[in-house]
Amino acid sequence: MLGEDPELLEAIVCNDDNLTYGSIISVYTGPDDTITALTDDGIGELKDMLRDARITTETWHAFLDDFVDDAELVARIKAQSPR
């Protein structure tokens, strides 16, 4: 989705403070099962956030440090060539 690493997207949206209230929702897929989903506004906000973060390598690395709690994932994403 969005041409990004799925683990990165999951790490960003797992903290509902990273996007505006109401952008991240839980969808019931069964009596006791839910999945996390984004509203259309949430997808737009996430796209804008990622675009703005990728302005420079420095802003991208700062974004990863601020928004992703998984140090191993951050290191793996930082090691990839920037877009």
PDB file of N, CA and C in Angstrom:
ATOM      1  N   MET A   1       0.834  -1.181   0.000  1.00  0.00           N
ATOM      2  CA  MET A   1       0.000   0.000   0.000  1.00  0.00           C
ATOM      3  C   MET A   1       0.875   1.239   0.000  1.00  0.00           C
ATOM      4  N   LEU A   2       0.544   2.183  -0.803  1.00  0.00           N
ATOM      5  CA  LEU A   2       1.265   3.446  -0.917  1.00  0.00           C
ATOM      6  C   LEU A   2       2.707   3.270  -1.386  1.00  0.00           C
ATOM      7  N   GLY A   3       3.059   2.081  -1.839  1.00  0.00           N
ATOM      8  CA  GLY A   3       4.421   1.841  -2.292  1.00  0.00           C
ATOM      9  C   GLY A   3       5.432   1.824  -1.159  1.00  0.00           C
ATOM     10  N   GLU A   4       4.965   1.591   0.054  1.00  0.00           N
ATOM     11  CA  GLU A   4       5.836   1.589   1.231  1.00  0.00           C
ATOM     12  C   GLU A   4       5.916   0.189   1.817  1.00  0.00           C
ATOM     13  N   ASP A   5       6.926  -0.022   2.618  1.00  0.00           N
ATOM     14  CA  ASP A   5       7.093  -1.271   3.347  1.00  0.00           C
ATOM     15  C   ASP A   5       5.878  -1.458   4.261  1.00  0.00           C
ATOM     16  N   PRO A   6       5.169  -2.574   4.133  1.00  0.00           N
ATOM     17  CA  PRO A   6       3.978  -2.794   4.973  1.00  0.00           C
ATOM     18  C   PRO A   6       4.275  -2.739   6.477  1.00  0.00           C
ATOM     19  N   GLU A   7       5.456  -3.210   6.878  1.00  0.00           N
ATOM     20  CA  GLU A   7       5.819  -3.153   8.300  1.00  0.00           C
ATOM     21  C   GLU A   7       5.971  -1.714   8.773  1.00  0.00           C
ATOM     22  N   LEU A   8       6.486  -0.852   7.896  1.00  0.00           N
ATOM     23  CA  LEU A   8       6.627   0.560   8.238  1.00  0.00           C
ATOM     24  C   LEU A   8       5.252   1.180   8.441  1.00  0.00           C
ATOM     25  N   LEU A   9       4.336   0.921   7.511  1.00  0.00           N
ATOM     26  CA  LEU A   9       2.985   1.473   7.628  1.00  0.00           C
ATOM     27  C   LEU A   9       2.304   0.976   8.897  1.00  0.00           C
ATOM     28  N   GLU A  10       2.456  -0.304   9.172  1.00  0.00           N
ATOM     29  CA  GLU A  10       1.852  -0.880  10.378  1.00  0.00           C
ATOM     30  C   GLU A  10       2.430  -0.234  11.635  1.00  0.00           C
ATOM     31  N   ALA A  11       3.737  -0.005  11.639  1.00  0.00           N
ATOM     32  CA  ALA A  11       4.385   0.612  12.798  1.00  0.00           C
ATOM     33  C   ALA A  11       3.898   2.041  13.013  1.00  0.00           C
ATOM     34  N   ILE A  12       3.640   2.759  11.935  1.00  0.00           N
ATOM     35  CA  ILE A  12       3.160   4.138  12.052  1.00  0.00           C
ATOM     36  C   ILE A  12       1.729   4.162  12.579  1.00  0.00           C
ATOM     37  N   VAL A  13       0.855   3.331  12.009  1.00  0.00           N
ATOM     38  CA  VAL A  13      -0.558   3.393  12.400  1.00  0.00           C
ATOM     39  C   VAL A  13      -0.865   2.652  13.701  1.00  0.00           C
ATOM     40  N   CYS A  14       0.067   1.846  14.207  1.00  0.00           N
ATOM     41  CA  CYS A  14      -0.205   1.146  15.474  1.00  0.00           C
ATOM     42  C   CYS A  14      -0.297   2.133  16.629  1.00  0.00           C
ATOM     43  N   ASN A  15       0.278   3.312  16.485  1.00  0.00           N
ATOM     44  CA  ASN A  15       0.159   4.359  17.498  1.00  0.00           C
ATOM     45  C   ASN A  15      -0.850   5.377  16.988  1.00  0.00           C
ATOM     46  N   ASP A  16      -2.036   5.394  17.581  1.00  0.00           N
ATOM     47  CA  ASP A  16      -3.079   6.275  17.058  1.00  0.00           C
ATOM     48  C   ASP A  16      -2.808   7.757  17.299  1.00  0.00           C
ATOM     49  N   ASP A  17      -1.730   8.084  18.021  1.00  0.00           N
ATOM     50  CA  ASP A  17      -1.334   9.483  18.167  1.00  0.00           C
ATOM     51  C   ASP A  17      -0.601  10.001  16.930  1.00  0.00           C
ATOM     52  N   ASN A  18      -0.197   9.110  16.033  1.00  0.00           N
ATOM     53  CA  ASN A  18       0.555   9.524  14.849  1.00  0.00           C
ATOM     54  C   ASN A  18      -0.313  10.177  13.780  1.00  0.00           C
ATOM     55  N   LEU A  19      -1.614   9.920  13.803  1.00  0.00           N
ATOM     56  CA  LEU A  19      -2.530  10.516  12.834  1.00  0.00           C
ATOM     57  C   LEU A  19      -3.670  11.198  13.585  1.00  0.00           C
ATOM     58  N   THR A  20      -4.377  12.070  12.898  1.00  0.00           N
ATOM     59  CA  THR A  20      -5.490  12.804  13.479  1.00  0.00           C
ATOM     60  C   THR A  20      -6.556  11.857  14.025  1.00  0.00           C
ATOM     61  N   TYR A  21      -7.176  12.258  15.124  1.00  0.00           N
ATOM     62  CA  TYR A  21      -8.232  11.458  15.743  1.00  0.00           C
ATOM     63  C   TYR A  21      -9.298  11.105  14.706  1.00  0.00           C
ATOM     64  N   GLY A  22      -9.660   9.845  14.655  1.00  0.00           N
ATOM     65  CA  GLY A  22     -10.685   9.378  13.730  1.00  0.00           C
ATOM     66  C   GLY A  22     -10.136   8.866  12.413  1.00  0.00           C
ATOM     67  N   SER A  23      -8.846   9.039  12.164  1.00  0.00           N
ATOM     68  CA  SER A  23      -8.239   8.576  10.911  1.00  0.00           C
ATOM     69  C   SER A  23      -7.941   7.085  10.934  1.00  0.00           C
ATOM     70  N   ILE A  24      -7.722   6.553  12.130  1.00  0.00           N
ATOM     71  CA  ILE A  24      -7.441   5.128  12.309  1.00  0.00           C
ATOM     72  C   ILE A  24      -8.665   4.511  12.977  1.00  0.00           C
ATOM     73  N   ILE A  25      -9.199   3.465  12.365  1.00  0.00           N
ATOM     74  CA  ILE A  25     -10.406   2.838  12.907  1.00  0.00           C
ATOM     75  C   ILE A  25     -10.193   1.335  13.055  1.00  0.00           C
ATOM     76  N   SER A  26     -11.002   0.728  13.894  1.00  0.00           N
ATOM     77  CA  SER A  26     -11.017  -0.731  14.036  1.00  0.00           C
ATOM     78  C   SER A  26     -12.241  -1.251  13.304  1.00  0.00           C
ATOM     79  N   VAL A  27     -12.030  -2.270  12.482  1.00  0.00           N
ATOM     80  CA  VAL A  27     -13.116  -2.871  11.713  1.00  0.00           C
ATOM     81  C   VAL A  27     -13.311  -4.291  12.232  1.00  0.00           C
ATOM     82  N   TYR A  28     -14.529  -4.586  12.639  1.00  0.00           N
ATOM     83  CA  TYR A  28     -14.835  -5.935  13.134  1.00  0.00           C
ATOM     84  C   TYR A  28     -14.974  -6.889  11.960  1.00  0.00           C
ATOM     85  N   THR A  29     -14.195  -7.968  12.014  1.00  0.00           N
ATOM     86  CA  THR A  29     -14.244  -8.985  10.959  1.00  0.00           C
ATOM     87  C   THR A  29     -14.890 -10.266  11.459  1.00  0.00           C
ATOM     88  N   GLY A  30     -15.236 -10.272  12.714  1.00  0.00           N
ATOM     89  CA  GLY A  30     -15.890 -11.414  13.348  1.00  0.00           C
ATOM     90  C   GLY A  30     -16.318 -10.990  14.733  1.00  0.00           C
ATOM     91  N   PRO A  31     -16.943 -11.869  15.462  1.00  0.00           N
ATOM     92  CA  PRO A  31     -17.444 -11.499  16.787  1.00  0.00           C
ATOM     93  C   PRO A  31     -16.365 -10.932  17.717  1.00  0.00           C
ATOM     94  N   ASP A  32     -15.177 -11.479  17.654  1.00  0.00           N
ATOM     95  CA  ASP A  32     -14.095 -11.025  18.533  1.00  0.00           C
ATOM     96  C   ASP A  32     -12.846 -10.614  17.764  1.00  0.00           C
ATOM     97  N   ASP A  33     -12.958 -10.450  16.466  1.00  0.00           N
ATOM     98  CA  ASP A  33     -11.795 -10.147  15.635  1.00  0.00           C
ATOM     99  C   ASP A  33     -11.932  -8.763  15.014  1.00  0.00           C
ATOM    100  N   THR A  34     -10.844  -8.010  15.076  1.00  0.00           N
ATOM    101  CA  THR A  34     -10.818  -6.694  14.435  1.00  0.00           C
ATOM    102  C   THR A  34      -9.533  -6.544  13.637  1.00  0.00           C
ATOM    103  N   ILE A  35      -9.576  -5.636  12.685  1.00  0.00           N
ATOM    104  CA  ILE A  35      -8.374  -5.219  11.970  1.00  0.00           C
ATOM    105  C   ILE A  35      -8.304  -3.702  12.057  1.00  0.00           C
ATOM    106  N   THR A  36      -7.120  -3.171  11.938  1.00  0.00           N
ATOM    107  CA  THR A  36      -6.930  -1.730  11.927  1.00  0.00           C
ATOM    108  C   THR A  36      -7.017  -1.253  10.488  1.00  0.00           C
ATOM    109  N   ALA A  37      -7.736  -0.166  10.282  1.00  0.00           N
ATOM    110  CA  ALA A  37      -7.902   0.393   8.942  1.00  0.00           C
ATOM    111  C   ALA A  37      -7.797   1.911   9.021  1.00  0.00           C
ATOM    112  N   LEU A  38      -7.596   2.516   7.868  1.00  0.00           N
ATOM    113  CA  LEU A  38      -7.541   3.972   7.780  1.00  0.00           C
ATOM    114  C   LEU A  38      -8.743   4.477   7.003  1.00  0.00           C
ATOM    115  N   THR A  39      -9.256   5.615   7.415  1.00  0.00           N
ATOM    116  CA  THR A  39     -10.301   6.273   6.644  1.00  0.00           C
ATOM    117  C   THR A  39      -9.649   6.890   5.410  1.00  0.00           C
ATOM    118  N   ASP A  40     -10.448   7.390   4.478  1.00  0.00           N
ATOM    119  CA  ASP A  40      -9.887   8.078   3.307  1.00  0.00           C
ATOM    120  C   ASP A  40      -9.028   9.258   3.746  1.00  0.00           C
ATOM    121  N   ASP A  41      -9.503  10.009   4.744  1.00  0.00           N
ATOM    122  CA  ASP A  41      -8.713  11.132   5.256  1.00  0.00           C
ATOM    123  C   ASP A  41      -7.412  10.643   5.885  1.00  0.00           C
ATOM    124  N   GLY A  42      -7.468   9.501   6.562  1.00  0.00           N
ATOM    125  CA  GLY A  42      -6.271   8.933   7.171  1.00  0.00           C
ATOM    126  C   GLY A  42      -5.236   8.535   6.136  1.00  0.00           C
ATOM    127  N   ILE A  43      -5.701   7.962   5.027  1.00  0.00           N
ATOM    128  CA  ILE A  43      -4.783   7.590   3.944  1.00  0.00           C
ATOM    129  C   ILE A  43      -4.137   8.838   3.362  1.00  0.00           C
ATOM    130  N   GLY A  44      -4.936   9.873   3.143  1.00  0.00           N
ATOM    131  CA  GLY A  44      -4.396  11.129   2.623  1.00  0.00           C
ATOM    132  C   GLY A  44      -3.383  11.744   3.570  1.00  0.00           C
ATOM    133  N   GLU A  45      -3.708  11.729   4.854  1.00  0.00           N
ATOM    134  CA  GLU A  45      -2.800  12.281   5.858  1.00  0.00           C
ATOM    135  C   GLU A  45      -1.491  11.497   5.900  1.00  0.00           C
ATOM    136  N   LEU A  46      -1.584  10.183   5.830  1.00  0.00           N
ATOM    137  CA  LEU A  46      -0.390   9.339   5.834  1.00  0.00           C
ATOM    138  C   LEU A  46       0.458   9.589   4.590  1.00  0.00           C
ATOM    139  N   LYS A  47      -0.179   9.698   3.424  1.00  0.00           N
ATOM    140  CA  LYS A  47       0.557  10.001   2.184  1.00  0.00           C
ATOM    141  C   LYS A  47       1.302  11.322   2.313  1.00  0.00           C
ATOM    142  N   ASP A  48       0.601  12.356   2.811  1.00  0.00           N
ATOM    143  CA  ASP A  48       1.224  13.673   2.970  1.00  0.00           C
ATOM    144  C   ASP A  48       2.383  13.618   3.959  1.00  0.00           C
ATOM    145  N   MET A  49       2.186  12.892   5.047  1.00  0.00           N
ATOM    146  CA  MET A  49       3.215  12.764   6.074  1.00  0.00           C
ATOM    147  C   MET A  49       4.473  12.114   5.496  1.00  0.00           C
ATOM    148  N   LEU A  50       4.292  11.034   4.749  1.00  0.00           N
ATOM    149  CA  LEU A  50       5.430  10.329   4.156  1.00  0.00           C
ATOM    150  C   LEU A  50       6.119  11.185   3.095  1.00  0.00           C
ATOM    151  N   ARG A  51       5.333  11.878   2.278  1.00  0.00           N
ATOM    152  CA  ARG A  51       5.906  12.753   1.249  1.00  0.00           C
ATOM    153  C   ARG A  51       6.754  13.846   1.892  1.00  0.00           C
ATOM    154  N   ASP A  52       6.207  14.497   2.912  1.00  0.00           N
ATOM    155  CA  ASP A  52       6.936  15.576   3.580  1.00  0.00           C
ATOM    156  C   ASP A  52       8.192  15.062   4.282  1.00  0.00           C
ATOM    157  N   ALA A  53       8.129  13.859   4.818  1.00  0.00           N
ATOM    158  CA  ALA A  53       9.282  13.287   5.522  1.00  0.00           C
ATOM    159  C   ALA A  53      10.417  12.947   4.569  1.00  0.00           C
ATOM    160  N   ARG A  54      10.097  12.663   3.321  1.00  0.00           N
ATOM    161  CA  ARG A  54      11.117  12.240   2.355  1.00  0.00           C
ATOM    162  C   ARG A  54      11.808  13.400   1.631  1.00  0.00           C
ATOM    163  N   ILE A  55      11.631  14.616   2.103  1.00  0.00           N
ATOM    164  CA  ILE A  55      12.248  15.778   1.451  1.00  0.00           C
ATOM    165  C   ILE A  55      13.766  15.633   1.402  1.00  0.00           C
ATOM    166  N   THR A  56      14.358  15.237   2.516  1.00  0.00           N
ATOM    167  CA  THR A  56      15.806  14.997   2.564  1.00  0.00           C
ATOM    168  C   THR A  56      16.051  13.711   3.351  1.00  0.00           C
ATOM    169  N   THR A  57      17.240  13.177   3.226  1.00  0.00           N
ATOM    170  CA  THR A  57      17.597  11.992   4.008  1.00  0.00           C
ATOM    171  C   THR A  57      17.515  12.306   5.495  1.00  0.00           C
ATOM    172  N   GLU A  58      17.939  13.498   5.872  1.00  0.00           N
ATOM    173  CA  GLU A  58      17.911  13.896   7.283  1.00  0.00           C
ATOM    174  C   GLU A  58      16.475  13.937   7.827  1.00  0.00           C
ATOM    175  N   THR A  59      15.547  14.528   7.064  1.00  0.00           N
ATOM    176  CA  THR A  59      14.158  14.583   7.542  1.00  0.00           C
ATOM    177  C   THR A  59      13.538  13.192   7.568  1.00  0.00           C
ATOM    178  N   TRP A  60      13.913  12.336   6.619  1.00  0.00           N
ATOM    179  CA  TRP A  60      13.396  10.969   6.587  1.00  0.00           C
ATOM    180  C   TRP A  60      13.867  10.198   7.815  1.00  0.00           C
ATOM    181  N   HIS A  61      15.145  10.307   8.146  1.00  0.00           N
ATOM    182  CA  HIS A  61      15.681   9.596   9.305  1.00  0.00           C
ATOM    183  C   HIS A  61      15.061  10.125  10.602  1.00  0.00           C
ATOM    184  N   ALA A  62      14.880  11.442  10.688  1.00  0.00           N
ATOM    185  CA  ALA A  62      14.243  12.026  11.874  1.00  0.00           C
ATOM    186  C   ALA A  62      12.798  11.539  11.999  1.00  0.00           C
ATOM    187  N   PHE A  63      12.095  11.463  10.874  1.00  0.00           N
ATOM    188  CA  PHE A  63      10.721  10.958  10.864  1.00  0.00           C
ATOM    189  C   PHE A  63      10.677   9.525  11.388  1.00  0.00           C
ATOM    190  N   LEU A  64      11.558   8.680  10.886  1.00  0.00           N
ATOM    191  CA  LEU A  64      11.591   7.282  11.325  1.00  0.00           C
ATOM    192  C   LEU A  64      11.856   7.191  12.826  1.00  0.00           C
ATOM    193  N   ASP A  65      12.797   7.985  13.311  1.00  0.00           N
ATOM    194  CA  ASP A  65      13.113   7.972  14.739  1.00  0.00           C
ATOM    195  C   ASP A  65      11.926   8.431  15.586  1.00  0.00           C
ATOM    196  N   ASP A  66      11.168   9.390  15.078  1.00  0.00           N
ATOM    197  CA  ASP A  66      10.046   9.953  15.833  1.00  0.00           C
ATOM    198  C   ASP A  66       8.778   9.110  15.782  1.00  0.00           C
ATOM    199  N   PHE A  67       8.527   8.437  14.666  1.00  0.00           N
ATOM    200  CA  PHE A  67       7.235   7.794  14.460  1.00  0.00           C
ATOM    201  C   PHE A  67       7.250   6.270  14.518  1.00  0.00           C
ATOM    202  N   VAL A  68       8.432   5.657  14.542  1.00  0.00           N
ATOM    203  CA  VAL A  68       8.511   4.192  14.545  1.00  0.00           C
ATOM    204  C   VAL A  68       9.267   3.753  15.798  1.00  0.00           C
ATOM    205  N   ASP A  69       8.605   2.934  16.616  1.00  0.00           N
ATOM    206  CA  ASP A  69       9.195   2.504  17.889  1.00  0.00           C
ATOM    207  C   ASP A  69      10.094   1.277  17.772  1.00  0.00           C
ATOM    208  N   ASP A  70      10.108   0.628  16.633  1.00  0.00           N
ATOM    209  CA  ASP A  70      10.872  -0.607  16.434  1.00  0.00           C
ATOM    210  C   ASP A  70      12.254  -0.257  15.878  1.00  0.00           C
ATOM    211  N   ALA A  71      13.281  -0.304  16.743  1.00  0.00           N
ATOM    212  CA  ALA A  71      14.639   0.099  16.348  1.00  0.00           C
ATOM    213  C   ALA A  71      15.180  -0.747  15.201  1.00  0.00           C
ATOM    214  N   GLU A  72      14.861  -2.032  15.194  1.00  0.00           N
ATOM    215  CA  GLU A  72      15.329  -2.916  14.124  1.00  0.00           C
ATOM    216  C   GLU A  72      14.706  -2.520  12.776  1.00  0.00           C
ATOM    217  N   LEU A  73      13.429  -2.214  12.779  1.00  0.00           N
ATOM    218  CA  LEU A  73      12.748  -1.777  11.558  1.00  0.00           C
ATOM    219  C   LEU A  73      13.312  -0.446  11.078  1.00  0.00           C
ATOM    220  N   VAL A  74      13.531   0.479  11.998  1.00  0.00           N
ATOM    221  CA  VAL A  74      14.104   1.781  11.638  1.00  0.00           C
ATOM    222  C   VAL A  74      15.462   1.587  10.983  1.00  0.00           C
ATOM    223  N   ALA A  75      16.313   0.757  11.554  1.00  0.00           N
ATOM    224  CA  ALA A  75      17.645   0.512  10.994  1.00  0.00           C
ATOM    225  C   ALA A  75      17.542  -0.094   9.599  1.00  0.00           C
ATOM    226  N   ARG A  76      16.619  -1.032   9.409  1.00  0.00           N
ATOM    227  CA  ARG A  76      16.453  -1.670   8.094  1.00  0.00           C
ATOM    228  C   ARG A  76      15.970  -0.666   7.049  1.00  0.00           C
ATOM    229  N   ILE A  77      15.017   0.177   7.415  1.00  0.00           N
ATOM    230  CA  ILE A  77      14.486   1.170   6.471  1.00  0.00           C
ATOM    231  C   ILE A  77      15.557   2.213   6.149  1.00  0.00           C
ATOM    232  N   LYS A  78      16.306   2.651   7.157  1.00  0.00           N
ATOM    233  CA  LYS A  78      17.365   3.643   6.926  1.00  0.00           C
ATOM    234  C   LYS A  78      18.452   3.091   6.007  1.00  0.00           C
ATOM    235  N   ALA A  79      18.708   1.786   6.058  1.00  0.00           N
ATOM    236  CA  ALA A  79      19.756   1.171   5.238  1.00  0.00           C
ATOM    237  C   ALA A  79      19.358   1.068   3.767  1.00  0.00           C
ATOM    238  N   GLN A  80      18.068   1.161   3.480  1.00  0.00           N
ATOM    239  CA  GLN A  80      17.613   1.094   2.083  1.00  0.00           C
ATOM    240  C   GLN A  80      17.935   2.402   1.381  1.00  0.00           C
ATOM    241  N   SER A  81      18.096   2.333   0.054  1.00  0.00           N
ATOM    242  CA  SER A  81      18.355   3.568  -0.676  1.00  0.00           C
ATOM    243  C   SER A  81      17.130   4.468  -0.637  1.00  0.00           C
ATOM    244  N   PRO A  82      17.378   5.758  -0.449  1.00  0.00           N
ATOM    245  CA  PRO A  82      16.252   6.694  -0.429  1.00  0.00           C
ATOM    246  C   PRO A  82      15.604   6.797  -1.803  1.00  0.00           C
ATOM    247  N   ARG A  83      14.367   7.195  -1.813  1.00  0.00           N
ATOM    248  CA  ARG A  83      13.648   7.354  -3.086  1.00  0.00           C
ATOM    249  C   ARG A  83      13.931   8.687  -3.689  1.00  0.00           C
TER     250      ARG A  83
END
